[in-house]
């Protein structure tokens, strides 16, 4: 009887290990994601930032990401922005999420209250979402942010 129970437990453990496939894709390019996210924002004025923006304005190291895309409103009429980062793997996504959250805290801590006060709620309500090895932050109004997060998850679902 003990042998049978041990054998059943061993089989259950092995069966559980086989189902560890992620619920998210790991091969979606930044260009594909940006196209989906740009459409979801409805903001045609978002432009991709270069590595120097990541290093200087965001105080992040591009080397900590497998890939990334950061887009901001180039016309300065609002603070609309999003960034999507790909971690080396799903385990590393937690440190990438922490980096994105740190950036959002930095933005909020350095915000000049008299500068575009109507835009501050976007920054105060900015969020970060993880889908597998991808991490997205969004500084957008509530409706656009929800659309972007929904599009992000849908684009990455396996």
C-alpha atoms as a PDB file:
ATOM      1  CA  UNK A   1       0.000   0.000   0.000  1.00  0.00           C
ATOM      2  CA  UNK A   2       2.811   2.416   0.908  1.00  0.00           C
ATOM      3  CA  UNK A   3       4.572   1.662  -2.389  1.00  0.00           C
ATOM      4  CA  UNK A   4       1.388   2.438  -4.318  1.00  0.00           C
ATOM      5  CA  UNK A   5       0.893   5.748  -2.520  1.00  0.00           C
ATOM      6  CA  UNK A   6       4.541   6.724  -3.058  1.00  0.00           C
ATOM      7  CA  UNK A   7       4.298   5.793  -6.729  1.00  0.00           C
ATOM      8  CA  UNK A   8       1.117   7.855  -7.152  1.00  0.00           C
ATOM      9  CA  UNK A   9       2.693  10.859  -5.424  1.00  0.00           C
ATOM     10  CA  UNK A  10       5.769  10.577  -7.638  1.00  0.00           C
ATOM     11  CA  UNK A  11       3.603  10.411 -10.773  1.00  0.00           C
ATOM     12  CA  UNK A  12       1.573  13.442  -9.660  1.00  0.00           C
ATOM     13  CA  UNK A  13       4.770  15.402  -9.023  1.00  0.00           C
ATOM     14  CA  UNK A  14       6.106  14.538 -12.481  1.00  0.00           C
ATOM     15  CA  UNK A  15       2.813  15.439 -14.146  1.00  0.00           C
ATOM     16  CA  UNK A  16       2.817  18.806 -12.379  1.00  0.00           C
ATOM     17  CA  UNK A  17       6.292  19.617 -13.672  1.00  0.00           C
ATOM     18  CA  UNK A  18       5.294  19.039 -17.271  1.00  0.00           C
ATOM     19  CA  UNK A  19       2.676  21.787 -17.237  1.00  0.00           C
ATOM     20  CA  UNK A  20       5.025  24.684 -16.489  1.00  0.00           C
ATOM     21  CA  UNK A  21       4.650  26.399 -19.865  1.00  0.00           C
ATOM     22  CA  UNK A  22       4.113  30.135 -19.538  1.00  0.00           C
ATOM     23  CA  UNK A  23       0.751  31.654 -20.299  1.00  0.00           C
ATOM     24  CA  UNK A  24       2.601  34.342 -22.285  1.00  0.00           C
ATOM     25  CA  UNK A  25       4.660  34.421 -25.467  1.00  0.00           C
ATOM     26  CA  UNK A  26       8.350  35.165 -25.223  1.00  0.00           C
ATOM     27  CA  UNK A  27       9.065  36.018 -28.853  1.00  0.00           C
ATOM     28  CA  UNK A  28       7.069  39.185 -29.579  1.00  0.00           C
ATOM     29  CA  UNK A  29       9.289  41.963 -30.943  1.00  0.00           C
ATOM     30  CA  UNK A  30       9.316  45.450 -29.494  1.00  0.00           C
ATOM     31  CA  UNK A  31       8.162  46.807 -32.855  1.00  0.00           C
ATOM     32  CA  UNK A  32       5.109  44.518 -32.831  1.00  0.00           C
ATOM     33  CA  UNK A  33       4.257  45.479 -29.256  1.00  0.00           C
ATOM     34  CA  UNK A  34       4.768  49.186 -29.940  1.00  0.00           C
ATOM     35  CA  UNK A  35       2.399  49.045 -32.909  1.00  0.00           C
ATOM     36  CA  UNK A  36      -0.293  47.426 -30.745  1.00  0.00           C
ATOM     37  CA  UNK A  37       0.284  49.819 -27.839  1.00  0.00           C
ATOM     38  CA  UNK A  38       0.407  52.919 -30.058  1.00  0.00           C
ATOM     39  CA  UNK A  39      -2.956  51.989 -31.516  1.00  0.00           C
ATOM     40  CA  UNK A  40      -4.369  51.445 -28.019  1.00  0.00           C
ATOM     41  CA  UNK A  41      -3.189  54.870 -26.789  1.00  0.00           C
ATOM     42  CA  UNK A  42      -4.759  56.682 -29.720  1.00  0.00           C
ATOM     43  CA  UNK A  43      -1.845  59.149 -29.472  1.00  0.00           C
ATOM     44  CA  UNK A  44      -0.073  59.615 -32.796  1.00  0.00           C
ATOM     45  CA  UNK A  45       2.495  61.952 -31.224  1.00  0.00           C
ATOM     46  CA  UNK A  46       4.404  59.305 -29.269  1.00  0.00           C
ATOM     47  CA  UNK A  47       7.966  58.797 -30.454  1.00  0.00           C
ATOM     48  CA  UNK A  48      10.568  56.191 -29.544  1.00  0.00           C
ATOM     49  CA  UNK A  49      13.401  57.301 -27.316  1.00  0.00           C
ATOM     50  CA  UNK A  50      17.048  56.477 -27.860  1.00  0.00           C
ATOM     51  CA  UNK A  51      19.362  54.717 -25.416  1.00  0.00           C
ATOM     52  CA  UNK A  52      20.638  58.066 -24.126  1.00  0.00           C
ATOM     53  CA  UNK A  53      17.127  58.896 -22.862  1.00  0.00           C
ATOM     54  CA  UNK A  54      17.018  55.637 -20.936  1.00  0.00           C
ATOM     55  CA  UNK A  55      20.428  56.306 -19.381  1.00  0.00           C
ATOM     56  CA  UNK A  56      20.055  60.010 -18.667  1.00  0.00           C
ATOM     57  CA  UNK A  57      16.415  60.963 -18.196  1.00  0.00           C
ATOM     58  CA  UNK A  58      15.237  57.629 -16.817  1.00  0.00           C
ATOM     59  CA  UNK A  59      18.459  56.741 -15.009  1.00  0.00           C
ATOM     60  CA  UNK A  60      18.195  53.130 -16.202  1.00  0.00           C
ATOM     61  CA  UNK A  61      20.829  50.907 -17.736  1.00  0.00           C
ATOM     62  CA  UNK A  62      19.860  49.407 -21.107  1.00  0.00           C
ATOM     63  CA  UNK A  63      22.053  46.393 -20.291  1.00  0.00           C
ATOM     64  CA  UNK A  64      19.564  45.219 -17.676  1.00  0.00           C
ATOM     65  CA  UNK A  65      16.985  44.471 -20.385  1.00  0.00           C
ATOM     66  CA  UNK A  66      16.967  41.957 -23.221  1.00  0.00           C
ATOM     67  CA  UNK A  67      15.102  44.604 -25.236  1.00  0.00           C
ATOM     68  CA  UNK A  68      13.034  47.724 -24.634  1.00  0.00           C
ATOM     69  CA  UNK A  69      10.917  50.441 -26.188  1.00  0.00           C
ATOM     70  CA  UNK A  70      10.121  53.738 -24.485  1.00  0.00           C
ATOM     71  CA  UNK A  71       7.775  56.214 -26.142  1.00  0.00           C
ATOM     72  CA  UNK A  72       6.920  59.721 -25.000  1.00  0.00           C
ATOM     73  CA  UNK A  73       4.821  62.568 -26.317  1.00  0.00           C
ATOM     74  CA  UNK A  74       7.270  64.665 -28.312  1.00  0.00           C
ATOM     75  CA  UNK A  75       5.111  67.760 -28.582  1.00  0.00           C
ATOM     76  CA  UNK A  76       5.098  68.530 -24.860  1.00  0.00           C
ATOM     77  CA  UNK A  77       1.345  69.069 -24.695  1.00  0.00           C
ATOM     78  CA  UNK A  78       0.970  66.203 -22.200  1.00  0.00           C
ATOM     79  CA  UNK A  79       3.108  63.719 -20.303  1.00  0.00           C
ATOM     80  CA  UNK A  80       1.792  60.632 -22.080  1.00  0.00           C
ATOM     81  CA  UNK A  81       4.436  57.928 -22.008  1.00  0.00           C
ATOM     82  CA  UNK A  82       4.858  54.201 -21.901  1.00  0.00           C
ATOM     83  CA  UNK A  83       7.768  51.827 -21.747  1.00  0.00           C
ATOM     84  CA  UNK A  84       7.904  48.127 -22.401  1.00  0.00           C
ATOM     85  CA  UNK A  85      10.889  46.066 -21.355  1.00  0.00           C
ATOM     86  CA  UNK A  86      11.784  42.467 -21.982  1.00  0.00           C
ATOM     87  CA  UNK A  87      13.615  40.662 -19.199  1.00  0.00           C
ATOM     88  CA  UNK A  88      16.036  37.838 -19.884  1.00  0.00           C
ATOM     89  CA  UNK A  89      13.394  35.446 -18.514  1.00  0.00           C
ATOM     90  CA  UNK A  90      10.296  35.396 -16.328  1.00  0.00           C
ATOM     91  CA  UNK A  91      12.364  35.221 -13.130  1.00  0.00           C
ATOM     92  CA  UNK A  92      14.186  38.440 -14.087  1.00  0.00           C
ATOM     93  CA  UNK A  93      10.883  40.195 -14.778  1.00  0.00           C
ATOM     94  CA  UNK A  94      10.578  41.012 -11.066  1.00  0.00           C
ATOM     95  CA  UNK A  95      13.784  43.084 -11.129  1.00  0.00           C
ATOM     96  CA  UNK A  96      12.677  44.793 -14.346  1.00  0.00           C
ATOM     97  CA  UNK A  97       9.331  45.596 -12.712  1.00  0.00           C
ATOM     98  CA  UNK A  98      11.206  47.076  -9.733  1.00  0.00           C
ATOM     99  CA  UNK A  99      13.275  49.227 -12.127  1.00  0.00           C
ATOM    100  CA  UNK A 100      10.113  50.525 -13.845  1.00  0.00           C
ATOM    101  CA  UNK A 101       8.500  51.276 -10.485  1.00  0.00           C
ATOM    102  CA  UNK A 102      11.671  53.064  -9.393  1.00  0.00           C
ATOM    103  CA  UNK A 103      11.515  55.220 -12.505  1.00  0.00           C
ATOM    104  CA  UNK A 104       7.893  56.145 -11.797  1.00  0.00           C
ATOM    105  CA  UNK A 105       8.794  57.062  -8.200  1.00  0.00           C
ATOM    106  CA  UNK A 106      11.692  59.166  -9.514  1.00  0.00           C
ATOM    107  CA  UNK A 107       9.331  60.980 -11.903  1.00  0.00           C
ATOM    108  CA  UNK A 108       6.842  61.665  -9.137  1.00  0.00           C
ATOM    109  CA  UNK A 109       9.528  62.762  -6.650  1.00  0.00           C
ATOM    110  CA  UNK A 110      10.971  65.249  -9.140  1.00  0.00           C
ATOM    111  CA  UNK A 111       7.651  66.552 -10.492  1.00  0.00           C
ATOM    112  CA  UNK A 112       7.300  70.331 -10.355  1.00  0.00           C
ATOM    113  CA  UNK A 113       3.768  70.835  -9.015  1.00  0.00           C
ATOM    114  CA  UNK A 114       3.263  74.101 -10.908  1.00  0.00           C
ATOM    115  CA  UNK A 115       4.195  72.503 -14.253  1.00  0.00           C
ATOM    116  CA  UNK A 116       1.134  71.161 -16.054  1.00  0.00           C
ATOM    117  CA  UNK A 117      -0.820  70.413 -12.856  1.00  0.00           C
ATOM    118  CA  UNK A 118      -3.637  68.881 -14.906  1.00  0.00           C
ATOM    119  CA  UNK A 119      -1.216  66.130 -15.990  1.00  0.00           C
ATOM    120  CA  UNK A 120      -0.134  65.137 -12.468  1.00  0.00           C
ATOM    121  CA  UNK A 121      -2.955  62.582 -11.943  1.00  0.00           C
ATOM    122  CA  UNK A 122      -1.577  60.550 -14.866  1.00  0.00           C
ATOM    123  CA  UNK A 123       1.742  60.262 -13.078  1.00  0.00           C
ATOM    124  CA  UNK A 124       0.185  59.626  -9.680  1.00  0.00           C
ATOM    125  CA  UNK A 125      -1.892  56.786 -11.144  1.00  0.00           C
ATOM    126  CA  UNK A 126       0.826  55.314 -13.372  1.00  0.00           C
ATOM    127  CA  UNK A 127       1.022  51.539 -13.195  1.00  0.00           C
ATOM    128  CA  UNK A 128       3.323  48.678 -14.074  1.00  0.00           C
ATOM    129  CA  UNK A 129       2.168  45.312 -15.422  1.00  0.00           C
ATOM    130  CA  UNK A 130       4.104  42.091 -15.972  1.00  0.00           C
ATOM    131  CA  UNK A 131       3.170  39.495 -18.598  1.00  0.00           C
ATOM    132  CA  UNK A 132       5.706  36.693 -18.618  1.00  0.00           C
ATOM    133  CA  UNK A 133       9.123  38.213 -19.310  1.00  0.00           C
ATOM    134  CA  UNK A 134       7.660  41.543 -20.519  1.00  0.00           C
ATOM    135  CA  UNK A 135       7.075  44.562 -18.284  1.00  0.00           C
ATOM    136  CA  UNK A 136       5.003  47.613 -19.215  1.00  0.00           C
ATOM    137  CA  UNK A 137       4.607  50.934 -17.450  1.00  0.00           C
ATOM    138  CA  UNK A 138       2.160  53.574 -18.615  1.00  0.00           C
ATOM    139  CA  UNK A 139       1.735  57.254 -17.758  1.00  0.00           C
ATOM    140  CA  UNK A 140      -1.617  57.877 -19.419  1.00  0.00           C
ATOM    141  CA  UNK A 141      -5.131  58.912 -18.529  1.00  0.00           C
ATOM    142  CA  UNK A 142      -7.269  56.181 -17.016  1.00  0.00           C
ATOM    143  CA  UNK A 143      -9.053  55.073 -20.203  1.00  0.00           C
ATOM    144  CA  UNK A 144      -5.918  55.029 -22.362  1.00  0.00           C
ATOM    145  CA  UNK A 145      -3.959  53.195 -19.656  1.00  0.00           C
ATOM    146  CA  UNK A 146      -6.623  50.506 -19.409  1.00  0.00           C
ATOM    147  CA  UNK A 147      -6.671  50.119 -23.194  1.00  0.00           C
ATOM    148  CA  UNK A 148      -2.872  49.846 -23.298  1.00  0.00           C
ATOM    149  CA  UNK A 149      -2.682  47.259 -20.509  1.00  0.00           C
ATOM    150  CA  UNK A 150      -5.456  45.206 -22.119  1.00  0.00           C
ATOM    151  CA  UNK A 151      -3.746  45.358 -25.528  1.00  0.00           C
ATOM    152  CA  UNK A 152      -0.399  44.449 -23.949  1.00  0.00           C
ATOM    153  CA  UNK A 153      -1.794  41.350 -22.303  1.00  0.00           C
ATOM    154  CA  UNK A 154      -3.758  40.307 -25.397  1.00  0.00           C
ATOM    155  CA  UNK A 155      -0.675  40.657 -27.632  1.00  0.00           C
ATOM    156  CA  UNK A 156       1.351  38.409 -25.333  1.00  0.00           C
ATOM    157  CA  UNK A 157      -1.193  35.698 -24.506  1.00  0.00           C
ATOM    158  CA  UNK A 158       0.099  32.305 -25.572  1.00  0.00           C
END
